[in-house]
Amino acid sequence: FNPRTEIRFELARPGTVRLELFDAAGRLVRRVELPAQSTGRHTWTWRGEDDAGNPVGSGVYRVRLTADGGGAAGAADTRSITLVR
């Protein structure tokens, strides 16, 4: 993607969602908390920036999504995305 990508996800239950993006070395690049998400489909846009708003370099990034689901049983998913500048 360049200059942004949409990260799409679907929730079976309402709850808080955390998105974490890691570089190829496993370092945390960006963390986003999305409070009080409803059931259904959602989209979050990443513009290739770290937590400080600085652009990150080209490369493969891992996106980890964690949803609390409003109870003890949460859900998690990890995917790879590629940024090309």
PDB file of N, CA and C in Angstrom:
ATOM      1  N   PHE A   1       0.831  -1.181   0.000  1.00  0.00           N
ATOM      2  CA  PHE A   1       0.000   0.000   0.000  1.00  0.00           C
ATOM      3  C   PHE A   1       0.868   1.233   0.000  1.00  0.00           C
ATOM      4  N   ASN A   2       0.335   2.289  -0.440  1.00  0.00           N
ATOM      5  CA  ASN A   2       1.000   3.585  -0.416  1.00  0.00           C
ATOM      6  C   ASN A   2      -0.026   4.624  -0.844  1.00  0.00           C
ATOM      7  N   PRO A   3      -0.330   5.634  -0.155  1.00  0.00           N
ATOM      8  CA  PRO A   3       0.245   6.060   1.113  1.00  0.00           C
ATOM      9  C   PRO A   3      -0.535   5.591   2.333  1.00  0.00           C
ATOM     10  N   ARG A   4      -1.656   4.889   2.134  1.00  0.00           N
ATOM     11  CA  ARG A   4      -2.450   4.436   3.283  1.00  0.00           C
ATOM     12  C   ARG A   4      -3.113   3.107   2.943  1.00  0.00           C
ATOM     13  N   THR A   5      -3.564   2.428   4.002  1.00  0.00           N
ATOM     14  CA  THR A   5      -4.300   1.186   3.808  1.00  0.00           C
ATOM     15  C   THR A   5      -5.447   1.129   4.809  1.00  0.00           C
ATOM     16  N   GLU A   6      -6.483   0.447   4.438  1.00  0.00           N
ATOM     17  CA  GLU A   6      -7.620   0.255   5.328  1.00  0.00           C
ATOM     18  C   GLU A   6      -7.530  -1.136   5.933  1.00  0.00           C
ATOM     19  N   ILE A   7      -7.606  -1.185   7.236  1.00  0.00           N
ATOM     20  CA  ILE A   7      -7.608  -2.450   7.962  1.00  0.00           C
ATOM     21  C   ILE A   7      -9.054  -2.721   8.342  1.00  0.00           C
ATOM     22  N   ARG A   8      -9.594  -3.775   7.760  1.00  0.00           N
ATOM     23  CA  ARG A   8     -11.006  -4.108   7.958  1.00  0.00           C
ATOM     24  C   ARG A   8     -11.121  -5.285   8.909  1.00  0.00           C
ATOM     25  N   PHE A   9     -12.134  -5.209   9.770  1.00  0.00           N
ATOM     26  CA  PHE A   9     -12.370  -6.308  10.706  1.00  0.00           C
ATOM     27  C   PHE A   9     -13.844  -6.348  11.045  1.00  0.00           C
ATOM     28  N   GLU A  10     -14.266  -7.494  11.538  1.00  0.00           N
ATOM     29  CA  GLU A  10     -15.660  -7.705  11.906  1.00  0.00           C
ATOM     30  C   GLU A  10     -15.724  -8.261  13.319  1.00  0.00           C
ATOM     31  N   LEU A  11     -16.634  -7.725  14.109  1.00  0.00           N
ATOM     32  CA  LEU A  11     -16.795  -8.147  15.496  1.00  0.00           C
ATOM     33  C   LEU A  11     -18.102  -8.900  15.680  1.00  0.00           C
ATOM     34  N   ALA A  12     -18.021 -10.040  16.347  1.00  0.00           N
ATOM     35  CA  ALA A  12     -19.219 -10.824  16.654  1.00  0.00           C
ATOM     36  C   ALA A  12     -19.948 -10.251  17.861  1.00  0.00           C
ATOM     37  N   ARG A  13     -19.166  -9.575  18.735  1.00  0.00           N
ATOM     38  CA  ARG A  13     -19.737  -8.953  19.936  1.00  0.00           C
ATOM     39  C   ARG A  13     -19.154  -7.559  20.095  1.00  0.00           C
ATOM     40  N   PRO A  14     -19.904  -6.643  20.698  1.00  0.00           N
ATOM     41  CA  PRO A  14     -19.347  -5.312  20.929  1.00  0.00           C
ATOM     42  C   PRO A  14     -18.210  -5.355  21.948  1.00  0.00           C
ATOM     43  N   GLY A  15     -17.306  -4.407  21.852  1.00  0.00           N
ATOM     44  CA  GLY A  15     -16.218  -4.336  22.817  1.00  0.00           C
ATOM     45  C   GLY A  15     -15.094  -3.434  22.343  1.00  0.00           C
ATOM     46  N   THR A  16     -14.043  -3.396  23.139  1.00  0.00           N
ATOM     47  CA  THR A  16     -12.866  -2.594  22.844  1.00  0.00           C
ATOM     48  C   THR A  16     -11.950  -3.356  21.896  1.00  0.00           C
ATOM     49  N   VAL A  17     -11.346  -2.635  20.956  1.00  0.00           N
ATOM     50  CA  VAL A  17     -10.426  -3.230  19.985  1.00  0.00           C
ATOM     51  C   VAL A  17      -9.081  -2.530  20.105  1.00  0.00           C
ATOM     52  N   ARG A  18      -7.996  -3.323  20.081  1.00  0.00           N
ATOM     53  CA  ARG A  18      -6.645  -2.764  20.060  1.00  0.00           C
ATOM     54  C   ARG A  18      -5.956  -3.240  18.789  1.00  0.00           C
ATOM     55  N   LEU A  19      -5.394  -2.282  18.045  1.00  0.00           N
ATOM     56  CA  LEU A  19      -4.608  -2.586  16.862  1.00  0.00           C
ATOM     57  C   LEU A  19      -3.159  -2.249  17.167  1.00  0.00           C
ATOM     58  N   GLU A  20      -2.260  -3.196  16.897  1.00  0.00           N
ATOM     59  CA  GLU A  20      -0.833  -2.976  17.097  1.00  0.00           C
ATOM     60  C   GLU A  20      -0.116  -3.325  15.804  1.00  0.00           C
ATOM     61  N   LEU A  21       0.788  -2.450  15.370  1.00  0.00           N
ATOM     62  CA  LEU A  21       1.565  -2.675  14.157  1.00  0.00           C
ATOM     63  C   LEU A  21       3.028  -2.825  14.524  1.00  0.00           C
ATOM     64  N   PHE A  22       3.645  -3.882  14.015  1.00  0.00           N
ATOM     65  CA  PHE A  22       5.033  -4.208  14.309  1.00  0.00           C
ATOM     66  C   PHE A  22       5.840  -4.218  13.017  1.00  0.00           C
ATOM     67  N   ASP A  23       7.093  -3.770  13.091  1.00  0.00           N
ATOM     68  CA  ASP A  23       7.966  -3.848  11.921  1.00  0.00           C
ATOM     69  C   ASP A  23       8.516  -5.271  11.790  1.00  0.00           C
ATOM     70  N   ALA A  24       9.337  -5.499  10.759  1.00  0.00           N
ATOM     71  CA  ALA A  24       9.863  -6.842  10.486  1.00  0.00           C
ATOM     72  C   ALA A  24      10.742  -7.367  11.613  1.00  0.00           C
ATOM     73  N   ALA A  25      11.323  -6.465  12.416  1.00  0.00           N
ATOM     74  CA  ALA A  25      12.164  -6.869  13.548  1.00  0.00           C
ATOM     75  C   ALA A  25      11.343  -7.131  14.807  1.00  0.00           C
ATOM     76  N   GLY A  26      10.029  -6.949  14.730  1.00  0.00           N
ATOM     77  CA  GLY A  26       9.161  -7.199  15.878  1.00  0.00           C
ATOM     78  C   GLY A  26       8.976  -6.005  16.801  1.00  0.00           C
ATOM     79  N   ARG A  27       9.495  -4.842  16.411  1.00  0.00           N
ATOM     80  CA  ARG A  27       9.337  -3.641  17.247  1.00  0.00           C
ATOM     81  C   ARG A  27       7.962  -3.033  17.036  1.00  0.00           C
ATOM     82  N   LEU A  28       7.341  -2.613  18.127  1.00  0.00           N
ATOM     83  CA  LEU A  28       6.045  -1.956  18.053  1.00  0.00           C
ATOM     84  C   LEU A  28       6.201  -0.603  17.387  1.00  0.00           C
ATOM     85  N   VAL A  29       5.419  -0.370  16.335  1.00  0.00           N
ATOM     86  CA  VAL A  29       5.470   0.872  15.576  1.00  0.00           C
ATOM     87  C   VAL A  29       4.286   1.767  15.930  1.00  0.00           C
ATOM     88  N   ARG A  30       3.115   1.156  16.064  1.00  0.00           N
ATOM     89  CA  ARG A  30       1.901   1.932  16.307  1.00  0.00           C
ATOM     90  C   ARG A  30       0.937   1.115  17.137  1.00  0.00           C
ATOM     91  N   ARG A  31       0.282   1.765  18.093  1.00  0.00           N
ATOM     92  CA  ARG A  31      -0.759   1.123  18.902  1.00  0.00           C
ATOM     93  C   ARG A  31      -1.966   2.050  18.933  1.00  0.00           C
ATOM     94  N   VAL A  32      -3.138   1.482  18.662  1.00  0.00           N
ATOM     95  CA  VAL A  32      -4.379   2.255  18.633  1.00  0.00           C
ATOM     96  C   VAL A  32      -5.434   1.507  19.433  1.00  0.00           C
ATOM     97  N   GLU A  33      -6.107   2.206  20.318  1.00  0.00           N
ATOM     98  CA  GLU A  33      -7.242   1.649  21.067  1.00  0.00           C
ATOM     99  C   GLU A  33      -8.527   2.219  20.474  1.00  0.00           C
ATOM    100  N   LEU A  34      -9.438   1.340  20.112  1.00  0.00           N
ATOM    101  CA  LEU A  34     -10.733   1.753  19.578  1.00  0.00           C
ATOM    102  C   LEU A  34     -11.803   1.343  20.586  1.00  0.00           C
ATOM    103  N   PRO A  35     -12.202   2.252  21.475  1.00  0.00           N
ATOM    104  CA  PRO A  35     -13.148   1.894  22.532  1.00  0.00           C
ATOM    105  C   PRO A  35     -14.578   1.740  22.005  1.00  0.00           C
ATOM    106  N   ALA A  36     -15.329   0.904  22.675  1.00  0.00           N
ATOM    107  CA  ALA A  36     -16.777   0.760  22.470  1.00  0.00           C
ATOM    108  C   ALA A  36     -17.162   0.567  21.009  1.00  0.00           C
ATOM    109  N   GLN A  37     -16.589  -0.435  20.371  1.00  0.00           N
ATOM    110  CA  GLN A  37     -16.958  -0.763  18.994  1.00  0.00           C
ATOM    111  C   GLN A  37     -18.197  -1.655  19.005  1.00  0.00           C
ATOM    112  N   SER A  38     -19.093  -1.403  18.084  1.00  0.00           N
ATOM    113  CA  SER A  38     -20.324  -2.179  18.002  1.00  0.00           C
ATOM    114  C   SER A  38     -20.074  -3.480  17.230  1.00  0.00           C
ATOM    115  N   THR A  39     -21.051  -4.358  17.279  1.00  0.00           N
ATOM    116  CA  THR A  39     -21.012  -5.585  16.507  1.00  0.00           C
ATOM    117  C   THR A  39     -21.026  -5.226  15.022  1.00  0.00           C
ATOM    118  N   GLY A  40     -20.346  -6.026  14.204  1.00  0.00           N
ATOM    119  CA  GLY A  40     -20.378  -5.808  12.760  1.00  0.00           C
ATOM    120  C   GLY A  40     -19.037  -5.423  12.181  1.00  0.00           C
ATOM    121  N   ARG A  41     -19.078  -4.893  10.962  1.00  0.00           N
ATOM    122  CA  ARG A  41     -17.873  -4.552  10.207  1.00  0.00           C
ATOM    123  C   ARG A  41     -17.356  -3.157  10.554  1.00  0.00           C
ATOM    124  N   HIS A  42     -16.029  -3.058  10.572  1.00  0.00           N
ATOM    125  CA  HIS A  42     -15.363  -1.793  10.890  1.00  0.00           C
ATOM    126  C   HIS A  42     -14.138  -1.624   9.999  1.00  0.00           C
ATOM    127  N   THR A  43     -13.686  -0.386   9.861  1.00  0.00           N
ATOM    128  CA  THR A  43     -12.494  -0.073   9.094  1.00  0.00           C
ATOM    129  C   THR A  43     -11.670   0.952   9.850  1.00  0.00           C
ATOM    130  N   TRP A  44     -10.364   0.729   9.892  1.00  0.00           N
ATOM    131  CA  TRP A  44      -9.431   1.709  10.455  1.00  0.00           C
ATOM    132  C   TRP A  44      -8.363   1.965   9.409  1.00  0.00           C
ATOM    133  N   THR A  45      -8.025   3.236   9.175  1.00  0.00           N
ATOM    134  CA  THR A  45      -7.051   3.599   8.152  1.00  0.00           C
ATOM    135  C   THR A  45      -5.699   3.886   8.785  1.00  0.00           C
ATOM    136  N   TRP A  46      -4.658   3.216   8.263  1.00  0.00           N
ATOM    137  CA  TRP A  46      -3.279   3.488   8.681  1.00  0.00           C
ATOM    138  C   TRP A  46      -2.578   4.216   7.556  1.00  0.00           C
ATOM    139  N   ARG A  47      -1.973   5.342   7.889  1.00  0.00           N
ATOM    140  CA  ARG A  47      -1.305   6.186   6.906  1.00  0.00           C
ATOM    141  C   ARG A  47       0.219   6.002   6.915  1.00  0.00           C
ATOM    142  N   GLY A  48       0.676   4.864   7.391  1.00  0.00           N
ATOM    143  CA  GLY A  48       2.097   4.562   7.378  1.00  0.00           C
ATOM    144  C   GLY A  48       2.914   5.421   8.327  1.00  0.00           C
ATOM    145  N   GLU A  49       2.328   5.716   9.495  1.00  0.00           N
ATOM    146  CA  GLU A  49       3.012   6.542  10.494  1.00  0.00           C
ATOM    147  C   GLU A  49       3.137   5.791  11.811  1.00  0.00           C
ATOM    148  N   ASP A  50       4.177   6.150  12.586  1.00  0.00           N
ATOM    149  CA  ASP A  50       4.342   5.562  13.911  1.00  0.00           C
ATOM    150  C   ASP A  50       3.489   6.329  14.921  1.00  0.00           C
ATOM    151  N   ASP A  51       3.608   5.984  16.205  1.00  0.00           N
ATOM    152  CA  ASP A  51       2.808   6.633  17.248  1.00  0.00           C
ATOM    153  C   ASP A  51       3.061   8.133  17.343  1.00  0.00           C
ATOM    154  N   ALA A  52       4.254   8.591  16.951  1.00  0.00           N
ATOM    155  CA  ALA A  52       4.605  10.012  17.021  1.00  0.00           C
ATOM    156  C   ALA A  52       4.186  10.773  15.766  1.00  0.00           C
ATOM    157  N   GLY A  53       3.618  10.071  14.779  1.00  0.00           N
ATOM    158  CA  GLY A  53       3.197  10.716  13.544  1.00  0.00           C
ATOM    159  C   GLY A  53       4.282  10.779  12.483  1.00  0.00           C
ATOM    160  N   ASN A  54       5.413  10.109  12.730  1.00  0.00           N
ATOM    161  CA  ASN A  54       6.511  10.079  11.762  1.00  0.00           C
ATOM    162  C   ASN A  54       6.273   8.977  10.734  1.00  0.00           C
ATOM    163  N   PRO A  55       6.564   9.246   9.453  1.00  0.00           N
ATOM    164  CA  PRO A  55       6.399   8.194   8.450  1.00  0.00           C
ATOM    165  C   PRO A  55       7.383   7.052   8.691  1.00  0.00           C
ATOM    166  N   VAL A  56       6.925   5.829   8.486  1.00  0.00           N
ATOM    167  CA  VAL A  56       7.788   4.659   8.617  1.00  0.00           C
ATOM    168  C   VAL A  56       8.269   4.258   7.230  1.00  0.00           C
ATOM    169  N   GLY A  57       9.322   3.468   7.180  1.00  0.00           N
ATOM    170  CA  GLY A  57       9.911   3.060   5.908  1.00  0.00           C
ATOM    171  C   GLY A  57       9.160   1.936   5.236  1.00  0.00           C
ATOM    172  N   SER A  58       9.526   1.708   3.989  1.00  0.00           N
ATOM    173  CA  SER A  58       8.973   0.586   3.237  1.00  0.00           C
ATOM    174  C   SER A  58       9.305  -0.721   3.943  1.00  0.00           C
ATOM    175  N   GLY A  59       8.425  -1.686   3.835  1.00  0.00           N
ATOM    176  CA  GLY A  59       8.696  -2.987   4.420  1.00  0.00           C
ATOM    177  C   GLY A  59       7.429  -3.740   4.750  1.00  0.00           C
ATOM    178  N   VAL A  60       7.623  -4.908   5.316  1.00  0.00           N
ATOM    179  CA  VAL A  60       6.505  -5.752   5.743  1.00  0.00           C
ATOM    180  C   VAL A  60       6.215  -5.446   7.202  1.00  0.00           C
ATOM    181  N   TYR A  61       4.948  -5.251   7.506  1.00  0.00           N
ATOM    182  CA  TYR A  61       4.499  -4.968   8.871  1.00  0.00           C
ATOM    183  C   TYR A  61       3.467  -6.003   9.267  1.00  0.00           C
ATOM    184  N   ARG A  62       3.450  -6.332  10.553  1.00  0.00           N
ATOM    185  CA  ARG A  62       2.451  -7.249  11.102  1.00  0.00           C
ATOM    186  C   ARG A  62       1.417  -6.424  11.846  1.00  0.00           C
ATOM    187  N   VAL A  63       0.156  -6.709  11.590  1.00  0.00           N
ATOM    188  CA  VAL A  63      -0.946  -6.038  12.268  1.00  0.00           C
ATOM    189  C   VAL A  63      -1.603  -7.050  13.187  1.00  0.00           C
ATOM    190  N   ARG A  64      -1.626  -6.746  14.481  1.00  0.00           N
ATOM    191  CA  ARG A  64      -2.296  -7.621  15.443  1.00  0.00           C
ATOM    192  C   ARG A  64      -3.528  -6.900  15.962  1.00  0.00           C
ATOM    193  N   LEU A  65      -4.673  -7.544  15.816  1.00  0.00           N
ATOM    194  CA  LEU A  65      -5.942  -7.013  16.300  1.00  0.00           C
ATOM    195  C   LEU A  65      -6.376  -7.860  17.481  1.00  0.00           C
ATOM    196  N   THR A  66      -6.691  -7.206  18.585  1.00  0.00           N
ATOM    197  CA  THR A  66      -7.195  -7.888  19.765  1.00  0.00           C
ATOM    198  C   THR A  66      -8.514  -7.249  20.153  1.00  0.00           C
ATOM    199  N   ALA A  67      -9.562  -8.059  20.296  1.00  0.00           N
ATOM    200  CA  ALA A  67     -10.884  -7.568  20.686  1.00  0.00           C
ATOM    201  C   ALA A  67     -11.282  -8.232  21.992  1.00  0.00           C
ATOM    202  N   ASP A  68     -11.753  -7.427  22.953  1.00  0.00           N
ATOM    203  CA  ASP A  68     -12.109  -8.006  24.254  1.00  0.00           C
ATOM    204  C   ASP A  68     -13.465  -8.688  24.231  1.00  0.00           C
ATOM    205  N   GLY A  69     -14.328  -8.331  23.309  1.00  0.00           N
ATOM    206  CA  GLY A  69     -15.610  -8.998  23.170  1.00  0.00           C
ATOM    207  C   GLY A  69     -16.550  -8.844  24.348  1.00  0.00           C
ATOM    208  N   GLY A  70     -16.244  -7.933  25.254  1.00  0.00           N
ATOM    209  CA  GLY A  70     -17.125  -7.670  26.369  1.00  0.00           C
ATOM    210  C   GLY A  70     -17.167  -8.772  27.412  1.00  0.00           C
ATOM    211  N   GLY A  71     -16.202  -9.662  27.409  1.00  0.00           N
ATOM    212  CA  GLY A  71     -16.183 -10.753  28.380  1.00  0.00           C
ATOM    213  C   GLY A  71     -14.812 -11.371  28.459  1.00  0.00           C
ATOM    214  N   ALA A  72     -14.732 -12.524  29.109  1.00  0.00           N
ATOM    215  CA  ALA A  72     -13.444 -13.186  29.304  1.00  0.00           C
ATOM    216  C   ALA A  72     -12.887 -13.747  28.000  1.00  0.00           C
ATOM    217  N   ALA A  73     -13.771 -14.159  27.089  1.00  0.00           N
ATOM    218  CA  ALA A  73     -13.321 -14.759  25.840  1.00  0.00           C
ATOM    219  C   ALA A  73     -13.176 -13.688  24.774  1.00  0.00           C
ATOM    220  N   GLY A  74     -11.962 -13.263  24.508  1.00  0.00           N
ATOM    221  CA  GLY A  74     -11.702 -12.267  23.483  1.00  0.00           C
ATOM    222  C   GLY A  74     -11.303 -12.950  22.185  1.00  0.00           C
ATOM    223  N   ALA A  75     -10.891 -12.146  21.225  1.00  0.00           N
ATOM    224  CA  ALA A  75     -10.458 -12.666  19.938  1.00  0.00           C
ATOM    225  C   ALA A  75      -9.200 -11.932  19.519  1.00  0.00           C
ATOM    226  N   ALA A  76      -8.350 -12.616  18.761  1.00  0.00           N
ATOM    227  CA  ALA A  76      -7.115 -11.993  18.265  1.00  0.00           C
ATOM    228  C   ALA A  76      -6.836 -12.513  16.860  1.00  0.00           C
ATOM    229  N   ASP A  77      -6.210 -11.662  16.058  1.00  0.00           N
ATOM    230  CA  ASP A  77      -5.844 -12.039  14.688  1.00  0.00           C
ATOM    231  C   ASP A  77      -4.603 -11.237  14.312  1.00  0.00           C
ATOM    232  N   THR A  78      -3.702 -11.852  13.564  1.00  0.00           N
ATOM    233  CA  THR A  78      -2.491 -11.170  13.094  1.00  0.00           C
ATOM    234  C   THR A  78      -2.363 -11.386  11.595  1.00  0.00           C
ATOM    235  N   ARG A  79      -2.036 -10.282  10.886  1.00  0.00           N
ATOM    236  CA  ARG A  79      -1.864 -10.357   9.430  1.00  0.00           C
ATOM    237  C   ARG A  79      -0.661  -9.529   9.026  1.00  0.00           C
ATOM    238  N   SER A  80      -0.139  -9.825   7.846  1.00  0.00           N
ATOM    239  CA  SER A  80       0.977  -9.066   7.294  1.00  0.00           C
ATOM    240  C   SER A  80       0.476  -8.101   6.226  1.00  0.00           C
ATOM    241  N   ILE A  81       1.096  -6.912   6.206  1.00  0.00           N
ATOM    242  CA  ILE A  81       0.830  -5.930   5.157  1.00  0.00           C
ATOM    243  C   ILE A  81       2.185  -5.411   4.677  1.00  0.00           C
ATOM    244  N   THR A  82       2.229  -4.913   3.457  1.00  0.00           N
ATOM    245  CA  THR A  82       3.476  -4.406   2.895  1.00  0.00           C
ATOM    246  C   THR A  82       3.315  -2.954   2.502  1.00  0.00           C
ATOM    247  N   LEU A  83       4.217  -2.118   3.003  1.00  0.00           N
ATOM    248  CA  LEU A  83       4.237  -0.690   2.684  1.00  0.00           C
ATOM    249  C   LEU A  83       5.329  -0.462   1.648  1.00  0.00           C
ATOM    250  N   VAL A  84       4.982   0.160   0.538  1.00  0.00           N
ATOM    251  CA  VAL A  84       5.948   0.493  -0.512  1.00  0.00           C
ATOM    252  C   VAL A  84       5.916   1.996  -0.699  1.00  0.00           C
ATOM    253  N   ARG A  85       7.032   2.641  -0.425  1.00  0.00           N
ATOM    254  CA  ARG A  85       7.110   4.104  -0.563  1.00  0.00           C
ATOM    255  C   ARG A  85       7.723   4.456  -1.890  1.00  0.00           C
TER     256      ARG A  85
END
